[in-house]
Full PDB file with SEQRES, HELIX, SHEET, SSBOND, CRYST1, ORIGX, SCALE, CONECT and MASTER records, all heavy atoms in Angstrom:
SEQRES   1 A   32  ASN VAL ALA ILE ASP PRO LYS SER THR VAL VAL LYS ALA          
SEQRES   2 A   32  ALA ARG ASP ALA LEU ALA GLY TRP ASP PRO THR ASP GLY          
SEQRES   3 A   32  CYS LEU TYR TYR TRP ASN                                      
HELIX    1 AA1 THR A    9  LEU A   18  1                                  10    
CRYST1    1.000    1.000    1.000  90.00  90.00  90.00 P 1           1          
ORIGX1      1.000000  0.000000  0.000000        0.00000                         
ORIGX2      0.000000  1.000000  0.000000        0.00000                         
ORIGX3      0.000000  0.000000  1.000000        0.00000                         
SCALE1      1.000000  0.000000  0.000000        0.00000                         
SCALE2      0.000000  1.000000  0.000000        0.00000                         
SCALE3      0.000000  0.000000  1.000000        0.00000                         
ATOM      1  N   ASN A   1       0.801  -1.225   0.000  1.00  0.00           N  
ATOM      2  CA  ASN A   1       0.000   0.000   0.000  1.00  0.00           C  
ATOM      3  C   ASN A   1       0.834   1.276   0.000  1.00  0.00           C  
ATOM      4  O   ASN A   1       0.289   2.376  -0.049  1.00  0.00           O  
ATOM      5  CB  ASN A   1      -0.920   0.020   1.224  1.00  0.00           C  
ATOM      6  CG  ASN A   1      -1.967  -1.079   1.176  1.00  0.00           C  
ATOM      7  OD1 ASN A   1      -2.478  -1.408   0.116  1.00  0.00           O  
ATOM      8  ND2 ASN A   1      -2.268  -1.658   2.318  1.00  0.00           N  
ATOM      9  N   VAL A   2       2.153   1.134   0.065  1.00  0.00           N  
ATOM     10  CA  VAL A   2       3.035   2.303   0.114  1.00  0.00           C  
ATOM     11  C   VAL A   2       3.407   2.742  -1.294  1.00  0.00           C  
ATOM     12  O   VAL A   2       4.084   2.010  -2.028  1.00  0.00           O  
ATOM     13  CB  VAL A   2       4.321   1.996   0.916  1.00  0.00           C  
ATOM     14  CG1 VAL A   2       5.232   3.217   0.938  1.00  0.00           C  
ATOM     15  CG2 VAL A   2       3.970   1.568   2.324  1.00  0.00           C  
ATOM     16  N   ALA A   3       2.944   3.923  -1.686  1.00  0.00           N  
ATOM     17  CA  ALA A   3       3.260   4.447  -3.023  1.00  0.00           C  
ATOM     18  C   ALA A   3       4.759   4.713  -3.146  1.00  0.00           C  
ATOM     19  O   ALA A   3       5.403   5.148  -2.188  1.00  0.00           O  
ATOM     20  CB  ALA A   3       2.473   5.727  -3.276  1.00  0.00           C  
ATOM     21  N   ILE A   4       5.312   4.454  -4.308  1.00  0.00           N  
ATOM     22  CA  ILE A   4       6.748   4.601  -4.538  1.00  0.00           C  
ATOM     23  C   ILE A   4       7.034   5.806  -5.425  1.00  0.00           C  
ATOM     24  O   ILE A   4       6.362   6.025  -6.431  1.00  0.00           O  
ATOM     25  CB  ILE A   4       7.324   3.334  -5.204  1.00  0.00           C  
ATOM     26  CG1 ILE A   4       6.977   2.088  -4.383  1.00  0.00           C  
ATOM     27  CG2 ILE A   4       8.826   3.453  -5.370  1.00  0.00           C  
ATOM     28  CD1 ILE A   4       7.537   2.081  -2.988  1.00  0.00           C  
ATOM     29  N   ASP A   5       8.029   6.581  -5.039  1.00  0.00           N  
ATOM     30  CA  ASP A   5       8.466   7.730  -5.831  1.00  0.00           C  
ATOM     31  C   ASP A   5       8.911   7.252  -7.210  1.00  0.00           C  
ATOM     32  O   ASP A   5       9.715   6.318  -7.321  1.00  0.00           O  
ATOM     33  CB  ASP A   5       9.638   8.416  -5.112  1.00  0.00           C  
ATOM     34  CG  ASP A   5      10.067   9.720  -5.766  1.00  0.00           C  
ATOM     35  OD1 ASP A   5       9.941   9.840  -7.006  1.00  0.00           O  
ATOM     36  OD2 ASP A   5      10.533  10.611  -5.049  1.00  0.00           O  
ATOM     37  N   PRO A   6       8.391   7.868  -8.271  1.00  0.00           N  
ATOM     38  CA  PRO A   6       8.757   7.456  -9.643  1.00  0.00           C  
ATOM     39  C   PRO A   6      10.263   7.491  -9.911  1.00  0.00           C  
ATOM     40  O   PRO A   6      10.747   6.819 -10.823  1.00  0.00           O  
ATOM     41  CB  PRO A   6       8.023   8.470 -10.520  1.00  0.00           C  
ATOM     42  CG  PRO A   6       6.864   8.905  -9.686  1.00  0.00           C  
ATOM     43  CD  PRO A   6       7.377   8.933  -8.271  1.00  0.00           C  
ATOM     44  N   LYS A   7      11.017   8.276  -9.109  1.00  0.00           N  
ATOM     45  CA  LYS A   7      12.455   8.369  -9.301  1.00  0.00           C  
ATOM     46  C   LYS A   7      13.220   7.298  -8.528  1.00  0.00           C  
ATOM     47  O   LYS A   7      14.445   7.217  -8.619  1.00  0.00           O  
ATOM     48  CB  LYS A   7      12.941   9.760  -8.878  1.00  0.00           C  
ATOM     49  CG  LYS A   7      12.358  10.896  -9.705  1.00  0.00           C  
ATOM     50  CD  LYS A   7      12.878  12.242  -9.223  1.00  0.00           C  
ATOM     51  CE  LYS A   7      12.282  13.391 -10.043  1.00  0.00           C  
ATOM     52  NZ  LYS A   7      12.767  14.711  -9.573  1.00  0.00           N  
ATOM     53  N   SER A   8      12.522   6.484  -7.754  1.00  0.00           N  
ATOM     54  CA  SER A   8      13.162   5.459  -6.936  1.00  0.00           C  
ATOM     55  C   SER A   8      13.808   4.381  -7.796  1.00  0.00           C  
ATOM     56  O   SER A   8      13.357   4.073  -8.903  1.00  0.00           O  
ATOM     57  CB  SER A   8      12.130   4.825  -6.002  1.00  0.00           C  
ATOM     58  OG  SER A   8      12.655   3.696  -5.357  1.00  0.00           O  
ATOM     59  N   THR A   9      14.861   3.769  -7.263  1.00  0.00           N  
ATOM     60  CA  THR A   9      15.543   2.698  -8.007  1.00  0.00           C  
ATOM     61  C   THR A   9      14.633   1.477  -8.177  1.00  0.00           C  
ATOM     62  O   THR A   9      14.767   0.745  -9.158  1.00  0.00           O  
ATOM     63  CB  THR A   9      16.835   2.265  -7.297  1.00  0.00           C  
ATOM     64  OG1 THR A   9      16.531   1.833  -5.963  1.00  0.00           O  
ATOM     65  CG2 THR A   9      17.830   3.410  -7.247  1.00  0.00           C  
ATOM     66  N   VAL A  10      13.711   1.259  -7.231  1.00  0.00           N  
ATOM     67  CA  VAL A  10      12.839   0.086  -7.367  1.00  0.00           C  
ATOM     68  C   VAL A  10      11.863   0.259  -8.531  1.00  0.00           C  
ATOM     69  O   VAL A  10      11.433  -0.722  -9.139  1.00  0.00           O  
ATOM     70  CB  VAL A  10      12.068  -0.214  -6.061  1.00  0.00           C  
ATOM     71  CG1 VAL A  10      13.026  -0.641  -4.964  1.00  0.00           C  
ATOM     72  CG2 VAL A  10      11.213   0.950  -5.621  1.00  0.00           C  
ATOM     73  N   VAL A  11      11.514   1.499  -8.854  1.00  0.00           N  
ATOM     74  CA  VAL A  11      10.671   1.757 -10.023  1.00  0.00           C  
ATOM     75  C   VAL A  11      11.464   1.452 -11.290  1.00  0.00           C  
ATOM     76  O   VAL A  11      10.945   0.838 -12.228  1.00  0.00           O  
ATOM     77  CB  VAL A  11      10.155   3.210 -10.043  1.00  0.00           C  
ATOM     78  CG1 VAL A  11       9.457   3.509 -11.369  1.00  0.00           C  
ATOM     79  CG2 VAL A  11       9.196   3.447  -8.889  1.00  0.00           C  
ATOM     80  N   LYS A  12      12.715   1.859 -11.303  1.00  0.00           N  
ATOM     81  CA  LYS A  12      13.571   1.557 -12.457  1.00  0.00           C  
ATOM     82  C   LYS A  12      13.756   0.038 -12.582  1.00  0.00           C  
ATOM     83  O   LYS A  12      13.759  -0.506 -13.697  1.00  0.00           O  
ATOM     84  CB  LYS A  12      14.932   2.239 -12.326  1.00  0.00           C  
ATOM     85  CG  LYS A  12      15.804   2.084 -13.575  1.00  0.00           C  
ATOM     86  CD  LYS A  12      17.124   2.810 -13.426  1.00  0.00           C  
ATOM     87  CE  LYS A  12      17.930   2.757 -14.734  1.00  0.00           C  
ATOM     88  NZ  LYS A  12      18.149   1.371 -15.220  1.00  0.00           N  
ATOM     89  N   ALA A  13      13.893  -0.629 -11.443  1.00  0.00           N  
ATOM     90  CA  ALA A  13      14.043  -2.082 -11.457  1.00  0.00           C  
ATOM     91  C   ALA A  13      12.790  -2.743 -12.031  1.00  0.00           C  
ATOM     92  O   ALA A  13      12.872  -3.675 -12.831  1.00  0.00           O  
ATOM     93  CB  ALA A  13      14.317  -2.594 -10.048  1.00  0.00           C  
ATOM     94  N   ALA A  14      11.628  -2.234 -11.631  1.00  0.00           N  
ATOM     95  CA  ALA A  14      10.359  -2.760 -12.148  1.00  0.00           C  
ATOM     96  C   ALA A  14      10.272  -2.529 -13.646  1.00  0.00           C  
ATOM     97  O   ALA A  14       9.851  -3.414 -14.408  1.00  0.00           O  
ATOM     98  CB  ALA A  14       9.189  -2.093 -11.436  1.00  0.00           C  
ATOM     99  N   ARG A  15      10.699  -1.347 -14.085  1.00  0.00           N  
ATOM    100  CA  ARG A  15      10.645  -0.990 -15.501  1.00  0.00           C  
ATOM    101  C   ARG A  15      11.560  -1.913 -16.307  1.00  0.00           C  
ATOM    102  O   ARG A  15      11.189  -2.387 -17.391  1.00  0.00           O  
ATOM    103  CB  ARG A  15      11.060   0.466 -15.664  1.00  0.00           C  
ATOM    104  CG  ARG A  15      10.817   1.058 -17.043  1.00  0.00           C  
ATOM    105  CD  ARG A  15      11.186   2.530 -17.047  1.00  0.00           C  
ATOM    106  NE  ARG A  15      10.405   3.271 -16.065  1.00  0.00           N  
ATOM    107  CZ  ARG A  15      10.918   4.166 -15.231  1.00  0.00           C  
ATOM    108  NH1 ARG A  15      12.215   4.421 -15.242  1.00  0.00           N  
ATOM    109  NH2 ARG A  15      10.134   4.805 -14.374  1.00  0.00           N  
ATOM    110  N   ASP A  16      12.749  -2.190 -15.784  1.00  0.00           N  
ATOM    111  CA  ASP A  16      13.692  -3.059 -16.487  1.00  0.00           C  
ATOM    112  C   ASP A  16      13.163  -4.495 -16.567  1.00  0.00           C  
ATOM    113  O   ASP A  16      13.329  -5.173 -17.586  1.00  0.00           O  
ATOM    114  CB  ASP A  16      15.053  -3.039 -15.787  1.00  0.00           C  
ATOM    115  CG  ASP A  16      15.830  -1.762 -16.068  1.00  0.00           C  
ATOM    116  OD1 ASP A  16      15.355  -0.949 -16.891  1.00  0.00           O  
ATOM    117  OD2 ASP A  16      16.901  -1.555 -15.468  1.00  0.00           O  
ATOM    118  N   ALA A  17      12.530  -4.941 -15.475  1.00  0.00           N  
ATOM    119  CA  ALA A  17      11.960  -6.296 -15.481  1.00  0.00           C  
ATOM    120  C   ALA A  17      10.834  -6.396 -16.499  1.00  0.00           C  
ATOM    121  O   ALA A  17      10.743  -7.371 -17.257  1.00  0.00           O  
ATOM    122  CB  ALA A  17      11.458  -6.661 -14.087  1.00  0.00           C  
ATOM    123  N   LEU A  18       9.982  -5.390 -16.533  1.00  0.00           N  
ATOM    124  CA  LEU A  18       8.876  -5.373 -17.488  1.00  0.00           C  
ATOM    125  C   LEU A  18       9.375  -5.290 -18.924  1.00  0.00           C  
ATOM    126  O   LEU A  18       8.717  -5.768 -19.857  1.00  0.00           O  
ATOM    127  CB  LEU A  18       7.947  -4.193 -17.189  1.00  0.00           C  
ATOM    128  CG  LEU A  18       7.063  -4.334 -15.945  1.00  0.00           C  
ATOM    129  CD1 LEU A  18       6.456  -2.989 -15.556  1.00  0.00           C  
ATOM    130  CD2 LEU A  18       5.970  -5.363 -16.173  1.00  0.00           C  
ATOM    131  N   ALA A  19      10.551  -4.685 -19.104  1.00  0.00           N  
ATOM    132  CA  ALA A  19      11.138  -4.562 -20.441  1.00  0.00           C  
ATOM    133  C   ALA A  19      11.796  -5.864 -20.910  1.00  0.00           C  
ATOM    134  O   ALA A  19      12.192  -5.976 -22.070  1.00  0.00           O  
ATOM    135  CB  ALA A  19      12.157  -3.429 -20.461  1.00  0.00           C  
ATOM    136  N   GLY A  20      11.919  -6.841 -19.988  1.00  0.00           N  
ATOM    137  CA  GLY A  20      12.436  -8.135 -20.403  1.00  0.00           C  
ATOM    138  C   GLY A  20      13.734  -8.592 -19.773  1.00  0.00           C  
ATOM    139  O   GLY A  20      14.201  -9.711 -20.046  1.00  0.00           O  
ATOM    140  N   TRP A  21      14.340  -7.760 -18.923  1.00  0.00           N  
ATOM    141  CA  TRP A  21      15.597  -8.181 -18.293  1.00  0.00           C  
ATOM    142  C   TRP A  21      15.291  -9.199 -17.199  1.00  0.00           C  
ATOM    143  O   TRP A  21      14.546  -8.910 -16.270  1.00  0.00           O  
ATOM    144  CB  TRP A  21      16.341  -6.982 -17.715  1.00  0.00           C  
ATOM    145  CG  TRP A  21      17.665  -7.350 -17.090  1.00  0.00           C  
ATOM    146  CD1 TRP A  21      18.396  -8.483 -17.303  1.00  0.00           C  
ATOM    147  CD2 TRP A  21      18.420  -6.573 -16.146  1.00  0.00           C  
ATOM    148  NE1 TRP A  21      19.552  -8.468 -16.567  1.00  0.00           N  
ATOM    149  CE2 TRP A  21      19.593  -7.312 -15.846  1.00  0.00           C  
ATOM    150  CE3 TRP A  21      18.223  -5.335 -15.544  1.00  0.00           C  
ATOM    151  CZ2 TRP A  21      20.562  -6.837 -14.951  1.00  0.00           C  
ATOM    152  CZ3 TRP A  21      19.184  -4.863 -14.653  1.00  0.00           C  
ATOM    153  CH2 TRP A  21      20.345  -5.605 -14.371  1.00  0.00           C  
ATOM    154  N   ASP A  22      15.858 -10.375 -17.303  1.00  0.00           N  
ATOM    155  CA  ASP A  22      15.670 -11.428 -16.312  1.00  0.00           C  
ATOM    156  C   ASP A  22      17.022 -11.968 -15.859  1.00  0.00           C  
ATOM    157  O   ASP A  22      17.564 -12.896 -16.455  1.00  0.00           O  
ATOM    158  CB  ASP A  22      14.821 -12.561 -16.883  1.00  0.00           C  
ATOM    159  CG  ASP A  22      14.596 -13.687 -15.872  1.00  0.00           C  
ATOM    160  OD1 ASP A  22      14.984 -13.517 -14.697  1.00  0.00           O  
ATOM    161  OD2 ASP A  22      14.045 -14.728 -16.254  1.00  0.00           O  
ATOM    162  N   PRO A  23      17.586 -11.408 -14.786  1.00  0.00           N  
ATOM    163  CA  PRO A  23      18.882 -11.875 -14.284  1.00  0.00           C  
ATOM    164  C   PRO A  23      18.842 -13.317 -13.802  1.00  0.00           C  
ATOM    165  O   PRO A  23      19.888 -13.957 -13.667  1.00  0.00           O  
ATOM    166  CB  PRO A  23      19.163 -10.928 -13.105  1.00  0.00           C  
ATOM    167  CG  PRO A  23      18.306  -9.728 -13.354  1.00  0.00           C  
ATOM    168  CD  PRO A  23      17.073 -10.268 -14.011  1.00  0.00           C  
ATOM    169  N   THR A  24      17.642 -13.865 -13.555  1.00  0.00           N  
ATOM    170  CA  THR A  24      17.519 -15.219 -13.019  1.00  0.00           C  
ATOM    171  C   THR A  24      17.449 -16.287 -14.094  1.00  0.00           C  
ATOM    172  O   THR A  24      17.485 -17.477 -13.790  1.00  0.00           O  
ATOM    173  CB  THR A  24      16.253 -15.348 -12.148  1.00  0.00           C  
ATOM    174  OG1 THR A  24      15.084 -15.418 -12.986  1.00  0.00           O  
ATOM    175  CG2 THR A  24      16.119 -14.169 -11.202  1.00  0.00           C  
ATOM    176  N   ASP A  25      17.281 -15.883 -15.341  1.00  0.00           N  
ATOM    177  CA  ASP A  25      17.175 -16.812 -16.467  1.00  0.00           C  
ATOM    178  C   ASP A  25      16.040 -17.821 -16.264  1.00  0.00           C  
ATOM    179  O   ASP A  25      16.210 -19.025 -16.440  1.00  0.00           O  
ATOM    180  CB  ASP A  25      18.497 -17.547 -16.677  1.00  0.00           C  
ATOM    181  CG  ASP A  25      18.555 -18.287 -18.015  1.00  0.00           C  
ATOM    182  OD1 ASP A  25      17.836 -17.867 -18.952  1.00  0.00           O  
ATOM    183  OD2 ASP A  25      19.287 -19.282 -18.112  1.00  0.00           O  
ATOM    184  N   GLY A  26      14.875 -17.287 -15.876  1.00  0.00           N  
ATOM    185  CA  GLY A  26      13.687 -18.130 -15.814  1.00  0.00           C  
ATOM    186  C   GLY A  26      13.323 -18.707 -14.469  1.00  0.00           C  
ATOM    187  O   GLY A  26      12.403 -19.524 -14.378  1.00  0.00           O  
ATOM    188  N   CYS A  27      13.983 -18.298 -13.401  1.00  0.00           N  
ATOM    189  CA  CYS A  27      13.668 -18.844 -12.078  1.00  0.00           C  
ATOM    190  C   CYS A  27      12.257 -18.443 -11.627  1.00  0.00           C  
ATOM    191  O   CYS A  27      11.716 -17.426 -12.059  1.00  0.00           O  
ATOM    192  CB  CYS A  27      14.685 -18.357 -11.044  1.00  0.00           C  
ATOM    193  SG  CYS A  27      16.305 -19.150 -11.204  1.00  0.00           S  
ATOM    194  N   LEU A  28      11.696 -19.254 -10.732  1.00  0.00           N  
ATOM    195  CA  LEU A  28      10.338 -19.018 -10.241  1.00  0.00           C  
ATOM    196  C   LEU A  28      10.281 -18.724  -8.747  1.00  0.00           C  
ATOM    197  O   LEU A  28       9.232 -18.312  -8.232  1.00  0.00           O  
ATOM    198  CB  LEU A  28       9.463 -20.251 -10.520  1.00  0.00           C  
ATOM    199  CG  LEU A  28       9.228 -20.595 -11.984  1.00  0.00           C  
ATOM    200  CD1 LEU A  28       8.525 -21.951 -12.100  1.00  0.00           C  
ATOM    201  CD2 LEU A  28       8.399 -19.508 -12.660  1.00  0.00           C  
ATOM    202  N   TYR A  29      11.402 -18.933  -8.055  1.00  0.00           N  
ATOM    203  CA  TYR A  29      11.394 -18.753  -6.606  1.00  0.00           C  
ATOM    204  C   TYR A  29      12.644 -18.019  -6.142  1.00  0.00           C  
ATOM    205  O   TYR A  29      13.689 -18.068  -6.797  1.00  0.00           O  
ATOM    206  CB  TYR A  29      11.335 -20.118  -5.896  1.00  0.00           C  
ATOM    207  CG  TYR A  29      10.173 -20.973  -6.342  1.00  0.00           C  
ATOM    208  CD1 TYR A  29      10.348 -21.949  -7.338  1.00  0.00           C  
ATOM    209  CD2 TYR A  29       8.914 -20.812  -5.788  1.00  0.00           C  
ATOM    210  CE1 TYR A  29       9.289 -22.738  -7.760  1.00  0.00           C  
ATOM    211  CE2 TYR A  29       7.847 -21.598  -6.215  1.00  0.00           C  
ATOM    212  CZ  TYR A  29       8.040 -22.555  -7.194  1.00  0.00           C  
ATOM    213  OH  TYR A  29       6.986 -23.323  -7.617  1.00  0.00           O  
ATOM    214  N   TYR A  30      12.529 -17.348  -5.009  1.00  0.00           N  
ATOM    215  CA  TYR A  30      13.691 -16.740  -4.365  1.00  0.00           C  
ATOM    216  C   TYR A  30      13.468 -16.777  -2.859  1.00  0.00           C  
ATOM    217  O   TYR A  30      12.330 -16.815  -2.383  1.00  0.00           O  
ATOM    218  CB  TYR A  30      13.900 -15.289  -4.841  1.00  0.00           C  
ATOM    219  CG  TYR A  30      12.837 -14.320  -4.380  1.00  0.00           C  
ATOM    220  CD1 TYR A  30      12.984 -13.605  -3.194  1.00  0.00           C  
ATOM    221  CD2 TYR A  30      11.684 -14.127  -5.127  1.00  0.00           C  
ATOM    222  CE1 TYR A  30      12.000 -12.727  -2.765  1.00  0.00           C  
ATOM    223  CE2 TYR A  30      10.703 -13.254  -4.717  1.00  0.00           C  
ATOM    224  CZ  TYR A  30      10.863 -12.556  -3.531  1.00  0.00           C  
ATOM    225  OH  TYR A  30       9.886 -11.709  -3.098  1.00  0.00           O  
ATOM    226  N   TRP A  31      14.529 -16.794  -2.111  1.00  0.00           N  
ATOM    227  CA  TRP A  31      14.419 -16.789  -0.652  1.00  0.00           C  
ATOM    228  C   TRP A  31      15.747 -16.352  -0.044  1.00  0.00           C  
ATOM    229  O   TRP A  31      16.794 -16.411  -0.669  1.00  0.00           O  
ATOM    230  CB  TRP A  31      14.030 -18.177  -0.144  1.00  0.00           C  
ATOM    231  CG  TRP A  31      15.025 -19.279  -0.376  1.00  0.00           C  
ATOM    232  CD1 TRP A  31      15.946 -19.777   0.501  1.00  0.00           C  
ATOM    233  CD2 TRP A  31      15.194 -20.039  -1.591  1.00  0.00           C  
ATOM    234  NE1 TRP A  31      16.671 -20.785  -0.082  1.00  0.00           N  
ATOM    235  CE2 TRP A  31      16.231 -20.971  -1.353  1.00  0.00           C  
ATOM    236  CE3 TRP A  31      14.562 -20.029  -2.841  1.00  0.00           C  
ATOM    237  CZ2 TRP A  31      16.664 -21.864  -2.332  1.00  0.00           C  
ATOM    238  CZ3 TRP A  31      14.999 -20.927  -3.806  1.00  0.00           C  
ATOM    239  CH2 TRP A  31      16.020 -21.830  -3.556  1.00  0.00           C  
ATOM    240  N   ASN A  32      15.661 -15.895   1.188  1.00  0.00           N  
ATOM    241  CA  ASN A  32      16.840 -15.516   1.954  1.00  0.00           C  
ATOM    242  C   ASN A  32      17.158 -16.696   2.870  1.00  0.00           C  
ATOM    243  O   ASN A  32      16.391 -16.994   3.782  1.00  0.00           O  
ATOM    244  CB  ASN A  32      16.555 -14.260   2.785  1.00  0.00           C  
ATOM    245  CG  ASN A  32      17.777 -13.777   3.545  1.00  0.00           C  
ATOM    246  OD1 ASN A  32      18.680 -14.552   3.858  1.00  0.00           O  
ATOM    247  ND2 ASN A  32      17.807 -12.494   3.871  1.00  0.00           N  
TER     248      ASN A  32                                                      
MASTER        0    0    0    1    0    0    0    6  247    1    0    3          
END                                                                             
């Protein structure tokens, strides 16, 4: 529910992911 500043790096990250960049090469899960 927390709106993100359009200049934030996470917005750029979202934009890059939507543009097709996939550093995981098709992975479906992540965890710490």
